[in-house]
Amino acid sequence: MSALTKEEKGVLELIHPGNYVEVLREPVVAAEITRRNPRHCITRPKAFDSPWTVVRPELVLTPGNVFFIVPNRTIYRLIKSRMPFGEYYQSSRVGGS
């Protein structure tokens, strides 16, 4: 991913799977993007280092930023790969008996 040029600083870039880049010039609510992309979430570029940093649906995405549209399954796998098995198993149990 390249740095934004001077002309591109006023745009919002949404990078989809397959490196398709959607460029928007106006702010948009994250929920609208996720509605158009079911089973995906919006993340910041550092999501692959800390996959639990997913953008909340009520957040307004503003121009000048870059976000990734990532399949939910990818986030699930990233979180699972960074957690020891026992810790993942304990956090996913309901009821805790």
C-alpha atoms as a PDB file:
ATOM      1  CA  MET A   1       0.000   0.000   0.000  1.00  0.00           C
ATOM      2  CA  SER A   2       1.479   3.335  -1.015  1.00  0.00           C
ATOM      3  CA  ALA A   3       1.320   6.602   0.872  1.00  0.00           C
ATOM      4  CA  LEU A   4      -1.423   9.021  -0.079  1.00  0.00           C
ATOM      5  CA  THR A   5      -0.406  11.780  -2.484  1.00  0.00           C
ATOM      6  CA  LYS A   6      -1.374  15.402  -1.917  1.00  0.00           C
ATOM      7  CA  GLU A   7      -4.481  15.065  -4.136  1.00  0.00           C
ATOM      8  CA  GLU A   8      -5.611  11.879  -2.360  1.00  0.00           C
ATOM      9  CA  LYS A   9      -5.464  13.248   1.214  1.00  0.00           C
ATOM     10  CA  GLY A  10      -9.095  14.349   0.997  1.00  0.00           C
ATOM     11  CA  VAL A  11     -10.402  10.879   0.130  1.00  0.00           C
ATOM     12  CA  LEU A  12     -11.444   7.859   2.151  1.00  0.00           C
ATOM     13  CA  GLU A  13      -9.928   4.626   0.854  1.00  0.00           C
ATOM     14  CA  LEU A  14     -11.626   1.299   1.556  1.00  0.00           C
ATOM     15  CA  ILE A  15      -9.455  -1.640   0.542  1.00  0.00           C
ATOM     16  CA  HIS A  16     -11.495  -4.746  -0.229  1.00  0.00           C
ATOM     17  CA  PRO A  17     -10.285  -8.359  -0.489  1.00  0.00           C
ATOM     18  CA  GLY A  18      -8.370  -8.812  -3.731  1.00  0.00           C
ATOM     19  CA  ASN A  19      -6.893  -5.276  -3.389  1.00  0.00           C
ATOM     20  CA  TYR A  20      -9.888  -3.525  -4.952  1.00  0.00           C
ATOM     21  CA  VAL A  21      -9.786   0.063  -3.659  1.00  0.00           C
ATOM     22  CA  GLU A  22     -13.036   1.967  -3.189  1.00  0.00           C
ATOM     23  CA  VAL A  23     -12.455   5.733  -3.020  1.00  0.00           C
ATOM     24  CA  LEU A  24     -15.024   7.951  -1.289  1.00  0.00           C
ATOM     25  CA  ARG A  25     -14.902  11.729  -0.995  1.00  0.00           C
ATOM     26  CA  GLU A  26     -17.497  12.137   1.774  1.00  0.00           C
ATOM     27  CA  PRO A  27     -17.679  10.714   5.305  1.00  0.00           C
ATOM     28  CA  VAL A  28     -19.672   7.511   5.695  1.00  0.00           C
ATOM     29  CA  VAL A  29     -20.928   5.525   8.693  1.00  0.00           C
ATOM     30  CA  ALA A  30     -19.199   2.158   9.101  1.00  0.00           C
ATOM     31  CA  ALA A  31     -22.562   0.372   9.381  1.00  0.00           C
ATOM     32  CA  GLU A  32     -23.403   1.422   5.816  1.00  0.00           C
ATOM     33  CA  ILE A  33     -20.224  -0.195   4.505  1.00  0.00           C
ATOM     34  CA  THR A  34     -20.811  -3.416   6.437  1.00  0.00           C
ATOM     35  CA  ARG A  35     -24.400  -3.515   5.177  1.00  0.00           C
ATOM     36  CA  ARG A  36     -23.049  -3.513   1.608  1.00  0.00           C
ATOM     37  CA  ASN A  37     -20.449  -6.165   2.514  1.00  0.00           C
ATOM     38  CA  PRO A  38     -22.136  -8.918   4.546  1.00  0.00           C
ATOM     39  CA  ARG A  39     -19.903 -11.212   6.616  1.00  0.00           C
ATOM     40  CA  HIS A  40     -17.117  -8.612   6.535  1.00  0.00           C
ATOM     41  CA  CYS A  41     -15.861  -6.089   9.068  1.00  0.00           C
ATOM     42  CA  ILE A  42     -13.939  -2.845   8.779  1.00  0.00           C
ATOM     43  CA  THR A  43     -10.482  -2.601  10.293  1.00  0.00           C
ATOM     44  CA  ARG A  44      -7.621  -0.165  10.444  1.00  0.00           C
ATOM     45  CA  PRO A  45      -4.369  -1.101   8.667  1.00  0.00           C
ATOM     46  CA  LYS A  46      -2.869  -2.435  11.926  1.00  0.00           C
ATOM     47  CA  ALA A  47      -5.581  -5.096  12.227  1.00  0.00           C
ATOM     48  CA  PHE A  48      -3.252  -7.827  11.054  1.00  0.00           C
ATOM     49  CA  ASP A  49      -1.005  -7.117  14.063  1.00  0.00           C
ATOM     50  CA  SER A  50      -3.912  -6.688  16.515  1.00  0.00           C
ATOM     51  CA  PRO A  51      -6.983  -8.338  14.973  1.00  0.00           C
ATOM     52  CA  TRP A  52      -9.269  -7.396  17.860  1.00  0.00           C
ATOM     53  CA  THR A  53      -9.226  -3.727  16.719  1.00  0.00           C
ATOM     54  CA  VAL A  54     -12.333  -3.820  14.550  1.00  0.00           C
ATOM     55  CA  VAL A  55     -14.161  -0.568  13.777  1.00  0.00           C
ATOM     56  CA  ARG A  56     -17.506  -0.136  15.549  1.00  0.00           C
ATOM     57  CA  PRO A  57     -20.591   0.203  13.310  1.00  0.00           C
ATOM     58  CA  GLU A  58     -21.451   3.686  14.621  1.00  0.00           C
ATOM     59  CA  LEU A  59     -18.030   5.151  13.752  1.00  0.00           C
ATOM     60  CA  VAL A  60     -17.991   7.763  10.986  1.00  0.00           C
ATOM     61  CA  LEU A  61     -15.205   7.019   8.510  1.00  0.00           C
ATOM     62  CA  THR A  62     -13.717  10.335   7.422  1.00  0.00           C
ATOM     63  CA  PRO A  63     -11.721  11.282   4.322  1.00  0.00           C
ATOM     64  CA  GLY A  64      -7.958  11.147   4.715  1.00  0.00           C
ATOM     65  CA  ASN A  65      -8.020   7.656   6.237  1.00  0.00           C
ATOM     66  CA  VAL A  66      -7.494   4.138   4.937  1.00  0.00           C
ATOM     67  CA  PHE A  67      -9.539   1.148   6.121  1.00  0.00           C
ATOM     68  CA  PHE A  68      -9.632  -2.522   5.163  1.00  0.00           C
ATOM     69  CA  ILE A  69     -12.782  -4.547   4.476  1.00  0.00           C
ATOM     70  CA  VAL A  70     -11.862  -7.959   5.905  1.00  0.00           C
ATOM     71  CA  PRO A  71     -13.919 -11.177   5.955  1.00  0.00           C
ATOM     72  CA  ASN A  72     -15.094 -12.085   9.461  1.00  0.00           C
ATOM     73  CA  ARG A  73     -13.498 -15.505   9.074  1.00  0.00           C
ATOM     74  CA  THR A  74     -10.068 -13.901   8.552  1.00  0.00           C
ATOM     75  CA  ILE A  75     -10.388 -11.886  11.778  1.00  0.00           C
ATOM     76  CA  TYR A  76     -11.542 -15.021  13.616  1.00  0.00           C
ATOM     77  CA  ARG A  77      -8.498 -16.958  12.362  1.00  0.00           C
ATOM     78  CA  LEU A  78      -6.089 -14.146  13.255  1.00  0.00           C
ATOM     79  CA  ILE A  79      -7.442 -13.915  16.795  1.00  0.00           C
ATOM     80  CA  LYS A  80      -7.390 -17.684  17.194  1.00  0.00           C
ATOM     81  CA  SER A  81      -3.794 -17.934  15.952  1.00  0.00           C
ATOM     82  CA  ARG A  82      -2.570 -15.353  18.488  1.00  0.00           C
ATOM     83  CA  MET A  83      -4.211 -16.920  21.537  1.00  0.00           C
ATOM     84  CA  PRO A  84      -2.974 -20.054  23.324  1.00  0.00           C
ATOM     85  CA  PHE A  85      -5.452 -22.914  22.892  1.00  0.00           C
ATOM     86  CA  GLY A  86      -6.476 -23.088  26.540  1.00  0.00           C
ATOM     87  CA  GLU A  87      -7.083 -19.340  26.742  1.00  0.00           C
ATOM     88  CA  TYR A  88      -9.168 -19.388  23.548  1.00  0.00           C
ATOM     89  CA  TYR A  89     -11.146 -22.368  24.798  1.00  0.00           C
ATOM     90  CA  GLN A  90     -11.886 -20.701  28.145  1.00  0.00           C
ATOM     91  CA  SER A  91     -12.940 -17.374  26.558  1.00  0.00           C
ATOM     92  CA  SER A  92     -15.275 -19.085  24.076  1.00  0.00           C
ATOM     93  CA  ARG A  93     -17.147 -21.173  26.662  1.00  0.00           C
ATOM     94  CA  VAL A  94     -20.583 -20.055  27.769  1.00  0.00           C
ATOM     95  CA  GLY A  95     -21.487 -20.582  31.410  1.00  0.00           C
ATOM     96  CA  GLY A  96     -17.912 -21.238  32.580  1.00  0.00           C
ATOM     97  CA  SER A  97     -18.540 -24.530  34.424  1.00  0.00           C
END
